Amino acid sequence: MRRSDLPIHYDPHALRRMSQRSVSREQIEQVVRSPDAVRPAKRRGALRLEKAMSARKRLAVIAEVSRTDALIVSAWWM
């Protein structure tokens, strides 16, 4: 399954952080589906995905990505 087809699920922590940081589900999906950078996250088994959302803002997303789905763990503006 391609990353663009993966179902995306949200950890309760991620939903709280998204609300606090004004990050929408649509923005998260953009990062997961076409990140500018991907690297291992500090959380074991997770990836840190980053994408430039405008000239001044980058969005970082921590996700546990498997063959069948992606679990969003946290997100923040950089």
C-alpha atoms as a PDB file:
ATOM      1  CA  MET A   1       0.000   0.000   0.000  1.00  0.00           C
ATOM      2  CA  ARG A   2       1.341   3.431  -0.911  1.00  0.00           C
ATOM      3  CA  ARG A   3       1.689   6.117   1.747  1.00  0.00           C
ATOM      4  CA  SER A   4      -0.921   8.192  -0.109  1.00  0.00           C
ATOM      5  CA  ASP A   5      -3.487   5.404   0.462  1.00  0.00           C
ATOM      6  CA  LEU A   6      -2.806   4.738   4.146  1.00  0.00           C
ATOM      7  CA  PRO A   7      -5.655   5.246   6.603  1.00  0.00           C
ATOM      8  CA  ILE A   8      -4.610   7.825   9.204  1.00  0.00           C
ATOM      9  CA  HIS A   9      -5.509   7.406  12.888  1.00  0.00           C
ATOM     10  CA  TYR A  10      -4.897   9.875  15.717  1.00  0.00           C
ATOM     11  CA  ASP A  11      -3.609   9.190  19.220  1.00  0.00           C
ATOM     12  CA  PRO A  12      -5.527  11.215  21.873  1.00  0.00           C
ATOM     13  CA  HIS A  13      -2.264  13.024  22.696  1.00  0.00           C
ATOM     14  CA  ALA A  14      -1.921  14.079  19.053  1.00  0.00           C
ATOM     15  CA  LEU A  15      -5.484  15.427  18.976  1.00  0.00           C
ATOM     16  CA  ARG A  16      -4.802  17.531  22.102  1.00  0.00           C
ATOM     17  CA  ARG A  17      -1.555  18.903  20.674  1.00  0.00           C
ATOM     18  CA  MET A  18      -3.190  19.628  17.326  1.00  0.00           C
ATOM     19  CA  SER A  19      -5.927  21.600  19.065  1.00  0.00           C
ATOM     20  CA  GLN A  20      -3.430  23.518  21.209  1.00  0.00           C
ATOM     21  CA  ARG A  21      -1.212  24.297  18.213  1.00  0.00           C
ATOM     22  CA  SER A  22      -3.887  25.025  15.586  1.00  0.00           C
ATOM     23  CA  VAL A  23      -2.967  22.110  13.349  1.00  0.00           C
ATOM     24  CA  SER A  24      -5.737  20.621  11.214  1.00  0.00           C
ATOM     25  CA  ARG A  25      -6.242  17.031  10.099  1.00  0.00           C
ATOM     26  CA  GLU A  26      -5.904  18.217   6.504  1.00  0.00           C
ATOM     27  CA  GLN A  27      -2.454  19.648   7.274  1.00  0.00           C
ATOM     28  CA  ILE A  28      -1.412  16.397   8.959  1.00  0.00           C
ATOM     29  CA  GLU A  29      -2.569  14.444   5.910  1.00  0.00           C
ATOM     30  CA  GLN A  30      -0.512  16.693   3.603  1.00  0.00           C
ATOM     31  CA  VAL A  31       2.615  15.991   5.648  1.00  0.00           C
ATOM     32  CA  VAL A  32       2.023  12.229   5.831  1.00  0.00           C
ATOM     33  CA  ARG A  33       1.193  11.903   2.138  1.00  0.00           C
ATOM     34  CA  SER A  34       4.069  14.032   0.803  1.00  0.00           C
ATOM     35  CA  PRO A  35       6.721  14.948   3.395  1.00  0.00           C
ATOM     36  CA  ASP A  36       9.758  17.040   2.459  1.00  0.00           C
ATOM     37  CA  ALA A  37      11.892  15.146   4.988  1.00  0.00           C
ATOM     38  CA  VAL A  38      11.595  11.817   6.809  1.00  0.00           C
ATOM     39  CA  ARG A  39      13.860  10.641   9.615  1.00  0.00           C
ATOM     40  CA  PRO A  40      13.667   8.406  12.673  1.00  0.00           C
ATOM     41  CA  ALA A  41      11.934   9.986  15.663  1.00  0.00           C
ATOM     42  CA  LYS A  42      13.116   9.730  19.251  1.00  0.00           C
ATOM     43  CA  ARG A  43      10.095   7.515  19.936  1.00  0.00           C
ATOM     44  CA  ARG A  44      11.033   3.955  19.096  1.00  0.00           C
ATOM     45  CA  GLY A  45       9.522   2.757  15.846  1.00  0.00           C
ATOM     46  CA  ALA A  46       8.180   6.192  14.878  1.00  0.00           C
ATOM     47  CA  LEU A  47       9.104   8.570  12.085  1.00  0.00           C
ATOM     48  CA  ARG A  48       9.451  12.342  12.126  1.00  0.00           C
ATOM     49  CA  LEU A  49       7.877  13.736   8.968  1.00  0.00           C
ATOM     50  CA  GLU A  50       8.360  17.398   8.036  1.00  0.00           C
ATOM     51  CA  LYS A  51       6.861  19.616   5.362  1.00  0.00           C
ATOM     52  CA  ALA A  52       7.083  23.293   4.470  1.00  0.00           C
ATOM     53  CA  MET A  53       3.502  24.549   4.680  1.00  0.00           C
ATOM     54  CA  SER A  54       4.387  28.135   3.696  1.00  0.00           C
ATOM     55  CA  ALA A  55       7.484  30.284   3.238  1.00  0.00           C
ATOM     56  CA  ARG A  56       7.734  30.714   7.012  1.00  0.00           C
ATOM     57  CA  LYS A  57       6.138  27.628   8.564  1.00  0.00           C
ATOM     58  CA  ARG A  58       7.152  23.981   8.651  1.00  0.00           C
ATOM     59  CA  LEU A  59       5.014  21.305  10.227  1.00  0.00           C
ATOM     60  CA  ALA A  60       6.590  18.346  12.044  1.00  0.00           C
ATOM     61  CA  VAL A  61       4.562  15.186  12.608  1.00  0.00           C
ATOM     62  CA  ILE A  62       5.526  12.146  14.659  1.00  0.00           C
ATOM     63  CA  ALA A  63       3.856   9.055  13.255  1.00  0.00           C
ATOM     64  CA  GLU A  64       4.051   5.298  13.613  1.00  0.00           C
ATOM     65  CA  VAL A  65       3.723   4.160  10.011  1.00  0.00           C
ATOM     66  CA  SER A  66       3.072   0.536   9.126  1.00  0.00           C
ATOM     67  CA  ARG A  67       2.149  -1.183   5.889  1.00  0.00           C
ATOM     68  CA  THR A  68      -1.535  -0.827   6.692  1.00  0.00           C
ATOM     69  CA  ASP A  69      -1.963   2.533   8.469  1.00  0.00           C
ATOM     70  CA  ALA A  70      -0.384   5.563  10.121  1.00  0.00           C
ATOM     71  CA  LEU A  71      -0.888   6.521  13.772  1.00  0.00           C
ATOM     72  CA  ILE A  72      -0.257  10.204  14.421  1.00  0.00           C
ATOM     73  CA  VAL A  73       1.419  10.649  17.813  1.00  0.00           C
ATOM     74  CA  SER A  74       2.163  14.406  17.895  1.00  0.00           C
ATOM     75  CA  ALA A  75       2.559  17.501  15.706  1.00  0.00           C
ATOM     76  CA  TRP A  76       3.981  20.998  16.037  1.00  0.00           C
ATOM     77  CA  TRP A  77       4.968  24.050  14.045  1.00  0.00           C
ATOM     78  CA  MET A  78       8.677  24.651  13.572  1.00  0.00           C
END
